């Protein structure tokens, strides 16, 4: 089976809006999902 990352965006998105925002690059998050 081939697993491909289909998320083209590397733009950080806010995933938690708090005193300090937590951001994530959904392409890197997709890479983590592919590793799992």
ModelCIF file with pLDDT and N, C-alpha, C, O atoms, coordinates in Angstrom:
data_MODEL
#
_entry.id   MODEL 
#
_entity.id                         1 
_entity.type                       polymer 
_entity.pdbx_number_of_molecules   1 
#
_entity_poly.entity_id                      1 
_entity_poly.type                           'polypeptide(L)' 
_entity_poly.nstd_linkage                   no 
_entity_poly.nstd_monomer                   no 
_entity_poly.pdbx_seq_one_letter_code       
;(UNK)(UNK)(UNK)(UNK)(UNK)(UNK)(UNK)(UNK)(UNK)(UNK)(UNK)(UNK)(UNK)(UNK)(UNK)(UNK)
(UNK)(UNK)(UNK)(UNK)(UNK)(UNK)(UNK)(UNK)(UNK)(UNK)(UNK)(UNK)(UNK)(UNK)(UNK)(UNK)
(UNK)(UNK)(UNK)(UNK)
;
_entity_poly.pdbx_seq_one_letter_code_can   XXXXXXXXXXXXXXXXXXXXXXXXXXXXXXXXXXXX 
_entity_poly.pdbx_strand_id                 A 
#
loop_
_entity_poly_seq.entity_id 
_entity_poly_seq.num 
_entity_poly_seq.mon_id 
_entity_poly_seq.hetero 
1 1  UNK n 
1 2  UNK n 
1 3  UNK n 
1 4  UNK n 
1 5  UNK n 
1 6  UNK n 
1 7  UNK n 
1 8  UNK n 
1 9  UNK n 
1 10 UNK n 
1 11 UNK n 
1 12 UNK n 
1 13 UNK n 
1 14 UNK n 
1 15 UNK n 
1 16 UNK n 
1 17 UNK n 
1 18 UNK n 
1 19 UNK n 
1 20 UNK n 
1 21 UNK n 
1 22 UNK n 
1 23 UNK n 
1 24 UNK n 
1 25 UNK n 
1 26 UNK n 
1 27 UNK n 
1 28 UNK n 
1 29 UNK n 
1 30 UNK n 
1 31 UNK n 
1 32 UNK n 
1 33 UNK n 
1 34 UNK n 
1 35 UNK n 
1 36 UNK n 
#
_struct_asym.id          A 
_struct_asym.entity_id   1 
#
loop_
_ma_qa_metric.id 
_ma_qa_metric.mode 
_ma_qa_metric.name 
_ma_qa_metric.software_group_id 
_ma_qa_metric.type 
1 global pLDDT . pLDDT 
2 local  pLDDT . pLDDT 
#
_ma_qa_metric_global.metric_id      1 
_ma_qa_metric_global.metric_value   94.61 
_ma_qa_metric_global.model_id       1 
_ma_qa_metric_global.ordinal_id     1 
#
loop_
_ma_qa_metric_local.label_asym_id 
_ma_qa_metric_local.label_comp_id 
_ma_qa_metric_local.label_seq_id 
_ma_qa_metric_local.metric_id 
_ma_qa_metric_local.metric_value 
_ma_qa_metric_local.model_id 
_ma_qa_metric_local.ordinal_id 
A UNK 1  2 98.00 1 1  
A UNK 2  2 98.00 1 2  
A UNK 3  2 98.00 1 3  
A UNK 4  2 98.00 1 4  
A UNK 5  2 98.00 1 5  
A UNK 6  2 98.00 1 6  
A UNK 7  2 97.00 1 7  
A UNK 8  2 97.00 1 8  
A UNK 9  2 95.00 1 9  
A UNK 10 2 94.00 1 10 
A UNK 11 2 95.00 1 11 
A UNK 12 2 93.00 1 12 
A UNK 13 2 93.00 1 13 
A UNK 14 2 92.00 1 14 
A UNK 15 2 92.00 1 15 
A UNK 16 2 91.00 1 16 
A UNK 17 2 87.00 1 17 
A UNK 18 2 82.00 1 18 
A UNK 19 2 78.00 1 19 
A UNK 20 2 86.00 1 20 
A UNK 21 2 92.00 1 21 
A UNK 22 2 93.00 1 22 
A UNK 23 2 94.00 1 23 
A UNK 24 2 95.00 1 24 
A UNK 25 2 96.00 1 25 
A UNK 26 2 97.00 1 26 
A UNK 27 2 98.00 1 27 
A UNK 28 2 98.00 1 28 
A UNK 29 2 98.00 1 29 
A UNK 30 2 98.00 1 30 
A UNK 31 2 98.00 1 31 
A UNK 32 2 98.00 1 32 
A UNK 33 2 98.00 1 33 
A UNK 34 2 98.00 1 34 
A UNK 35 2 98.00 1 35 
A UNK 36 2 97.00 1 36 
#
loop_
_atom_site.group_PDB 
_atom_site.id 
_atom_site.type_symbol 
_atom_site.label_atom_id 
_atom_site.label_alt_id 
_atom_site.label_comp_id 
_atom_site.label_asym_id 
_atom_site.label_entity_id 
_atom_site.label_seq_id 
_atom_site.pdbx_PDB_ins_code 
_atom_site.Cartn_x 
_atom_site.Cartn_y 
_atom_site.Cartn_z 
_atom_site.occupancy 
_atom_site.B_iso_or_equiv 
_atom_site.pdbx_formal_charge 
_atom_site.auth_seq_id 
_atom_site.auth_comp_id 
_atom_site.auth_asym_id 
_atom_site.auth_atom_id 
_atom_site.pdbx_PDB_model_num 
ATOM 1   N N  . UNK A 1 1  ? 0.843  -1.183 0.000  1.00 98.00 ? 1  UNK A N  1 
ATOM 2   C CA . UNK A 1 1  ? 0.000  0.000  0.000  1.00 98.00 ? 1  UNK A CA 1 
ATOM 3   C C  . UNK A 1 1  ? 0.885  1.242  0.000  1.00 98.00 ? 1  UNK A C  1 
ATOM 4   O O  . UNK A 1 1  ? 1.898  1.300  0.696  1.00 98.00 ? 1  UNK A O  1 
ATOM 5   N N  . UNK A 1 2  ? 0.488  2.222  -0.785 1.00 98.00 ? 2  UNK A N  1 
ATOM 6   C CA . UNK A 1 2  ? 1.178  3.518  -0.773 1.00 98.00 ? 2  UNK A CA 1 
ATOM 7   C C  . UNK A 1 2  ? 0.362  4.476  0.090  1.00 98.00 ? 2  UNK A C  1 
ATOM 8   O O  . UNK A 1 2  ? -0.860 4.552  -0.034 1.00 98.00 ? 2  UNK A O  1 
ATOM 9   N N  . UNK A 1 3  ? 1.038  5.190  0.944  1.00 98.00 ? 3  UNK A N  1 
ATOM 10  C CA . UNK A 1 3  ? 0.409  6.231  1.763  1.00 98.00 ? 3  UNK A CA 1 
ATOM 11  C C  . UNK A 1 3  ? 0.987  7.568  1.326  1.00 98.00 ? 3  UNK A C  1 
ATOM 12  O O  . UNK A 1 3  ? 2.204  7.744  1.265  1.00 98.00 ? 3  UNK A O  1 
ATOM 13  N N  . UNK A 1 4  ? 0.097  8.506  1.025  1.00 98.00 ? 4  UNK A N  1 
ATOM 14  C CA . UNK A 1 4  ? 0.535  9.811  0.525  1.00 98.00 ? 4  UNK A CA 1 
ATOM 15  C C  . UNK A 1 4  ? -0.007 10.921 1.403  1.00 98.00 ? 4  UNK A C  1 
ATOM 16  O O  . UNK A 1 4  ? -1.101 10.813 1.957  1.00 98.00 ? 4  UNK A O  1 
ATOM 17  N N  . UNK A 1 5  ? 0.762  11.982 1.524  1.00 98.00 ? 5  UNK A N  1 
ATOM 18  C CA . UNK A 1 5  ? 0.321  13.177 2.229  1.00 98.00 ? 5  UNK A CA 1 
ATOM 19  C C  . UNK A 1 5  ? -0.398 14.058 1.223  1.00 98.00 ? 5  UNK A C  1 
ATOM 20  O O  . UNK A 1 5  ? 0.207  14.542 0.266  1.00 98.00 ? 5  UNK A O  1 
ATOM 21  N N  . UNK A 1 6  ? -1.689 14.264 1.440  1.00 98.00 ? 6  UNK A N  1 
ATOM 22  C CA . UNK A 1 6  ? -2.522 15.020 0.509  1.00 98.00 ? 6  UNK A CA 1 
ATOM 23  C C  . UNK A 1 6  ? -2.806 16.436 1.026  1.00 98.00 ? 6  UNK A C  1 
ATOM 24  O O  . UNK A 1 6  ? -3.669 17.129 0.486  1.00 98.00 ? 6  UNK A O  1 
ATOM 25  N N  . UNK A 1 7  ? -2.093 16.864 2.058  1.00 97.00 ? 7  UNK A N  1 
ATOM 26  C CA . UNK A 1 7  ? -2.291 18.201 2.628  1.00 97.00 ? 7  UNK A CA 1 
ATOM 27  C C  . UNK A 1 7  ? -1.222 19.142 2.056  1.00 97.00 ? 7  UNK A C  1 
ATOM 28  O O  . UNK A 1 7  ? -0.062 19.064 2.460  1.00 97.00 ? 7  UNK A O  1 
ATOM 29  N N  . UNK A 1 8  ? -1.594 20.026 1.125  1.00 97.00 ? 8  UNK A N  1 
ATOM 30  C CA . UNK A 1 8  ? -0.593 20.891 0.511  1.00 97.00 ? 8  UNK A CA 1 
ATOM 31  C C  . UNK A 1 8  ? -0.165 22.075 1.387  1.00 97.00 ? 8  UNK A C  1 
ATOM 32  O O  . UNK A 1 8  ? 0.923  22.620 1.201  1.00 97.00 ? 8  UNK A O  1 
ATOM 33  N N  . UNK A 1 9  ? -1.006 22.470 2.328  1.00 95.00 ? 9  UNK A N  1 
ATOM 34  C CA . UNK A 1 9  ? -0.732 23.675 3.092  1.00 95.00 ? 9  UNK A CA 1 
ATOM 35  C C  . UNK A 1 9  ? 0.240  23.427 4.248  1.00 95.00 ? 9  UNK A C  1 
ATOM 36  O O  . UNK A 1 9  ? 0.093  22.472 5.011  1.00 95.00 ? 9  UNK A O  1 
ATOM 37  N N  . UNK A 1 10 ? 1.225  24.301 4.356  1.00 94.00 ? 10 UNK A N  1 
ATOM 38  C CA . UNK A 1 10 ? 2.143  24.283 5.497  1.00 94.00 ? 10 UNK A CA 1 
ATOM 39  C C  . UNK A 1 10 ? 1.929  25.522 6.364  1.00 94.00 ? 10 UNK A C  1 
ATOM 40  O O  . UNK A 1 10 ? 2.690  25.775 7.299  1.00 94.00 ? 10 UNK A O  1 
ATOM 41  N N  . UNK A 1 11 ? 0.896  26.284 6.049  1.00 95.00 ? 11 UNK A N  1 
ATOM 42  C CA . UNK A 1 11 ? 0.580  27.504 6.797  1.00 95.00 ? 11 UNK A CA 1 
ATOM 43  C C  . UNK A 1 11 ? 0.111  27.127 8.199  1.00 95.00 ? 11 UNK A C  1 
ATOM 44  O O  . UNK A 1 11 ? -0.786 26.296 8.343  1.00 95.00 ? 11 UNK A O  1 
ATOM 45  N N  . UNK A 1 12 ? 0.697  27.717 9.224  1.00 93.00 ? 12 UNK A N  1 
ATOM 46  C CA . UNK A 1 12 ? 0.277  27.393 10.588 1.00 93.00 ? 12 UNK A CA 1 
ATOM 47  C C  . UNK A 1 12 ? -1.184 27.783 10.830 1.00 93.00 ? 12 UNK A C  1 
ATOM 48  O O  . UNK A 1 12 ? -1.625 28.855 10.415 1.00 93.00 ? 12 UNK A O  1 
ATOM 49  N N  . UNK A 1 13 ? -1.915 26.914 11.494 1.00 93.00 ? 13 UNK A N  1 
ATOM 50  C CA . UNK A 1 13 ? -3.288 27.206 11.888 1.00 93.00 ? 13 UNK A CA 1 
ATOM 51  C C  . UNK A 1 13 ? -3.362 27.166 13.413 1.00 93.00 ? 13 UNK A C  1 
ATOM 52  O O  . UNK A 1 13 ? -2.633 26.412 14.059 1.00 93.00 ? 13 UNK A O  1 
ATOM 53  N N  . UNK A 1 14 ? -4.233 27.972 13.971 1.00 92.00 ? 14 UNK A N  1 
ATOM 54  C CA . UNK A 1 14 ? -4.402 27.975 15.425 1.00 92.00 ? 14 UNK A CA 1 
ATOM 55  C C  . UNK A 1 14 ? -5.259 26.773 15.801 1.00 92.00 ? 14 UNK A C  1 
ATOM 56  O O  . UNK A 1 14 ? -6.379 26.619 15.314 1.00 92.00 ? 14 UNK A O  1 
ATOM 57  N N  . UNK A 1 15 ? -4.721 25.923 16.675 1.00 92.00 ? 15 UNK A N  1 
ATOM 58  C CA . UNK A 1 15 ? -5.471 24.749 17.133 1.00 92.00 ? 15 UNK A CA 1 
ATOM 59  C C  . UNK A 1 15 ? -5.951 24.922 18.575 1.00 92.00 ? 15 UNK A C  1 
ATOM 60  O O  . UNK A 1 15 ? -6.838 24.196 19.024 1.00 92.00 ? 15 UNK A O  1 
ATOM 61  N N  . UNK A 1 16 ? -5.373 25.874 19.296 1.00 91.00 ? 16 UNK A N  1 
ATOM 62  C CA . UNK A 1 16 ? -5.829 26.210 20.646 1.00 91.00 ? 16 UNK A CA 1 
ATOM 63  C C  . UNK A 1 16 ? -5.603 27.693 20.844 1.00 91.00 ? 16 UNK A C  1 
ATOM 64  O O  . UNK A 1 16 ? -4.477 28.184 20.766 1.00 91.00 ? 16 UNK A O  1 
ATOM 65  N N  . UNK A 1 17 ? -6.691 28.395 21.102 1.00 87.00 ? 17 UNK A N  1 
ATOM 66  C CA . UNK A 1 17 ? -6.641 29.835 21.335 1.00 87.00 ? 17 UNK A CA 1 
ATOM 67  C C  . UNK A 1 17 ? -6.638 30.042 22.845 1.00 87.00 ? 17 UNK A C  1 
ATOM 68  O O  . UNK A 1 17 ? -7.675 29.918 23.496 1.00 87.00 ? 17 UNK A O  1 
ATOM 69  N N  . UNK A 1 18 ? -5.467 30.357 23.398 1.00 82.00 ? 18 UNK A N  1 
ATOM 70  C CA . UNK A 1 18 ? -5.329 30.509 24.845 1.00 82.00 ? 18 UNK A CA 1 
ATOM 71  C C  . UNK A 1 18 ? -4.390 31.672 25.130 1.00 82.00 ? 18 UNK A C  1 
ATOM 72  O O  . UNK A 1 18 ? -4.112 32.477 24.241 1.00 82.00 ? 18 UNK A O  1 
ATOM 73  N N  . UNK A 1 19 ? -3.898 31.766 26.361 1.00 78.00 ? 19 UNK A N  1 
ATOM 74  C CA . UNK A 1 19 ? -2.936 32.818 26.676 1.00 78.00 ? 19 UNK A CA 1 
ATOM 75  C C  . UNK A 1 19 ? -1.778 32.795 25.696 1.00 78.00 ? 19 UNK A C  1 
ATOM 76  O O  . UNK A 1 19 ? -1.328 33.839 25.224 1.00 78.00 ? 19 UNK A O  1 
ATOM 77  N N  . UNK A 1 20 ? -1.304 31.601 25.395 1.00 86.00 ? 20 UNK A N  1 
ATOM 78  C CA . UNK A 1 20 ? -0.340 31.394 24.310 1.00 86.00 ? 20 UNK A CA 1 
ATOM 79  C C  . UNK A 1 20 ? -1.014 30.485 23.310 1.00 86.00 ? 20 UNK A C  1 
ATOM 80  O O  . UNK A 1 20 ? -1.367 29.353 23.642 1.00 86.00 ? 20 UNK A O  1 
ATOM 81  N N  . UNK A 1 21 ? -1.197 30.955 22.103 1.00 92.00 ? 21 UNK A N  1 
ATOM 82  C CA . UNK A 1 21 ? -1.824 30.129 21.071 1.00 92.00 ? 21 UNK A CA 1 
ATOM 83  C C  . UNK A 1 21 ? -0.964 28.908 20.781 1.00 92.00 ? 21 UNK A C  1 
ATOM 84  O O  . UNK A 1 21 ? 0.264  28.962 20.845 1.00 92.00 ? 21 UNK A O  1 
ATOM 85  N N  . UNK A 1 22 ? -1.630 27.819 20.465 1.00 93.00 ? 22 UNK A N  1 
ATOM 86  C CA . UNK A 1 22 ? -0.957 26.619 19.970 1.00 93.00 ? 22 UNK A CA 1 
ATOM 87  C C  . UNK A 1 22 ? -1.281 26.558 18.490 1.00 93.00 ? 22 UNK A C  1 
ATOM 88  O O  . UNK A 1 22 ? -2.447 26.616 18.100 1.00 93.00 ? 22 UNK A O  1 
ATOM 89  N N  . UNK A 1 23 ? -0.245 26.439 17.662 1.00 94.00 ? 23 UNK A N  1 
ATOM 90  C CA . UNK A 1 23 ? -0.453 26.359 16.230 1.00 94.00 ? 23 UNK A CA 1 
ATOM 91  C C  . UNK A 1 23 ? 0.068  25.030 15.712 1.00 94.00 ? 23 UNK A C  1 
ATOM 92  O O  . UNK A 1 23 ? 0.861  24.352 16.365 1.00 94.00 ? 23 UNK A O  1 
ATOM 93  N N  . UNK A 1 24 ? -0.397 24.678 14.528 1.00 95.00 ? 24 UNK A N  1 
ATOM 94  C CA . UNK A 1 24 ? 0.071  23.458 13.903 1.00 95.00 ? 24 UNK A CA 1 
ATOM 95  C C  . UNK A 1 24 ? 0.120  23.600 12.400 1.00 95.00 ? 24 UNK A C  1 
ATOM 96  O O  . UNK A 1 24 ? -0.683 24.316 11.802 1.00 95.00 ? 24 UNK A O  1 
ATOM 97  N N  . UNK A 1 25 ? 1.054  22.924 11.808 1.00 96.00 ? 25 UNK A N  1 
ATOM 98  C CA . UNK A 1 25 ? 1.205  22.807 10.361 1.00 96.00 ? 25 UNK A CA 1 
ATOM 99  C C  . UNK A 1 25 ? 0.502  21.497 9.996  1.00 96.00 ? 25 UNK A C  1 
ATOM 100 O O  . UNK A 1 25 ? 1.021  20.418 10.282 1.00 96.00 ? 25 UNK A O  1 
ATOM 101 N N  . UNK A 1 26 ? -0.666 21.579 9.372  1.00 97.00 ? 26 UNK A N  1 
ATOM 102 C CA . UNK A 1 26 ? -1.467 20.380 9.125  1.00 97.00 ? 26 UNK A CA 1 
ATOM 103 C C  . UNK A 1 26 ? -0.796 19.397 8.171  1.00 97.00 ? 26 UNK A C  1 
ATOM 104 O O  . UNK A 1 26 ? -1.135 18.214 8.159  1.00 97.00 ? 26 UNK A O  1 
ATOM 105 N N  . UNK A 1 27 ? 0.152  19.879 7.373  1.00 98.00 ? 27 UNK A N  1 
ATOM 106 C CA . UNK A 1 27 ? 0.919  18.947 6.539  1.00 98.00 ? 27 UNK A CA 1 
ATOM 107 C C  . UNK A 1 27 ? 1.811  18.071 7.429  1.00 98.00 ? 27 UNK A C  1 
ATOM 108 O O  . UNK A 1 27 ? 1.907  16.862 7.221  1.00 98.00 ? 27 UNK A O  1 
ATOM 109 N N  . UNK A 1 28 ? 2.452  18.684 8.409  1.00 98.00 ? 28 UNK A N  1 
ATOM 110 C CA . UNK A 1 28 ? 3.277  17.912 9.355  1.00 98.00 ? 28 UNK A CA 1 
ATOM 111 C C  . UNK A 1 28 ? 2.402  16.998 10.203 1.00 98.00 ? 28 UNK A C  1 
ATOM 112 O O  . UNK A 1 28 ? 2.815  15.890 10.545 1.00 98.00 ? 28 UNK A O  1 
ATOM 113 N N  . UNK A 1 29 ? 1.199  17.448 10.546 1.00 98.00 ? 29 UNK A N  1 
ATOM 114 C CA . UNK A 1 29 ? 0.284  16.604 11.311 1.00 98.00 ? 29 UNK A CA 1 
ATOM 115 C C  . UNK A 1 29 ? -0.144 15.401 10.471 1.00 98.00 ? 29 UNK A C  1 
ATOM 116 O O  . UNK A 1 29 ? -0.307 14.299 10.994 1.00 98.00 ? 29 UNK A O  1 
ATOM 117 N N  . UNK A 1 30 ? -0.324 15.619 9.165  1.00 98.00 ? 30 UNK A N  1 
ATOM 118 C CA . UNK A 1 30 ? -0.663 14.504 8.275  1.00 98.00 ? 30 UNK A CA 1 
ATOM 119 C C  . UNK A 1 30 ? 0.500  13.523 8.202  1.00 98.00 ? 30 UNK A C  1 
ATOM 120 O O  . UNK A 1 30 ? 0.283  12.312 8.183  1.00 98.00 ? 30 UNK A O  1 
ATOM 121 N N  . UNK A 1 31 ? 1.737  14.031 8.162  1.00 98.00 ? 31 UNK A N  1 
ATOM 122 C CA . UNK A 1 31 ? 2.904  13.141 8.207  1.00 98.00 ? 31 UNK A CA 1 
ATOM 123 C C  . UNK A 1 31 ? 2.876  12.266 9.462  1.00 98.00 ? 31 UNK A C  1 
ATOM 124 O O  . UNK A 1 31 ? 3.186  11.076 9.395  1.00 98.00 ? 31 UNK A O  1 
ATOM 125 N N  . UNK A 1 32 ? 2.503  12.852 10.607 1.00 98.00 ? 32 UNK A N  1 
ATOM 126 C CA . UNK A 1 32 ? 2.410  12.073 11.847 1.00 98.00 ? 32 UNK A CA 1 
ATOM 127 C C  . UNK A 1 32 ? 1.321  11.007 11.728 1.00 98.00 ? 32 UNK A C  1 
ATOM 128 O O  . UNK A 1 32 ? 1.508  9.882  12.191 1.00 98.00 ? 32 UNK A O  1 
ATOM 129 N N  . UNK A 1 33 ? 0.187  11.346 11.115 1.00 98.00 ? 33 UNK A N  1 
ATOM 130 C CA . UNK A 1 33 ? -0.889 10.363 10.908 1.00 98.00 ? 33 UNK A CA 1 
ATOM 131 C C  . UNK A 1 33 ? -0.409 9.227  10.001 1.00 98.00 ? 33 UNK A C  1 
ATOM 132 O O  . UNK A 1 33 ? -0.756 8.066  10.218 1.00 98.00 ? 33 UNK A O  1 
ATOM 133 N N  . UNK A 1 34 ? 0.385  9.562  8.995  1.00 98.00 ? 34 UNK A N  1 
ATOM 134 C CA . UNK A 1 34 ? 0.940  8.544  8.097  1.00 98.00 ? 34 UNK A CA 1 
ATOM 135 C C  . UNK A 1 34 ? 1.902  7.634  8.861  1.00 98.00 ? 34 UNK A C  1 
ATOM 136 O O  . UNK A 1 34 ? 1.916  6.425  8.633  1.00 98.00 ? 34 UNK A O  1 
ATOM 137 N N  . UNK A 1 35 ? 2.697  8.193  9.756  1.00 98.00 ? 35 UNK A N  1 
ATOM 138 C CA . UNK A 1 35 ? 3.600  7.365  10.557 1.00 98.00 ? 35 UNK A CA 1 
ATOM 139 C C  . UNK A 1 35 ? 2.821  6.404  11.450 1.00 98.00 ? 35 UNK A C  1 
ATOM 140 O O  . UNK A 1 35 ? 3.201  5.240  11.582 1.00 98.00 ? 35 UNK A O  1 
ATOM 141 N N  . UNK A 1 36 ? 1.737  6.876  12.062 1.00 97.00 ? 36 UNK A N  1 
ATOM 142 C CA . UNK A 1 36 ? 0.899  6.006  12.894 1.00 97.00 ? 36 UNK A CA 1 
ATOM 143 C C  . UNK A 1 36 ? 0.287  4.901  12.031 1.00 97.00 ? 36 UNK A C  1 
ATOM 144 O O  . UNK A 1 36 ? -0.453 4.059  12.539 1.00 97.00 ? 36 UNK A O  1 
#
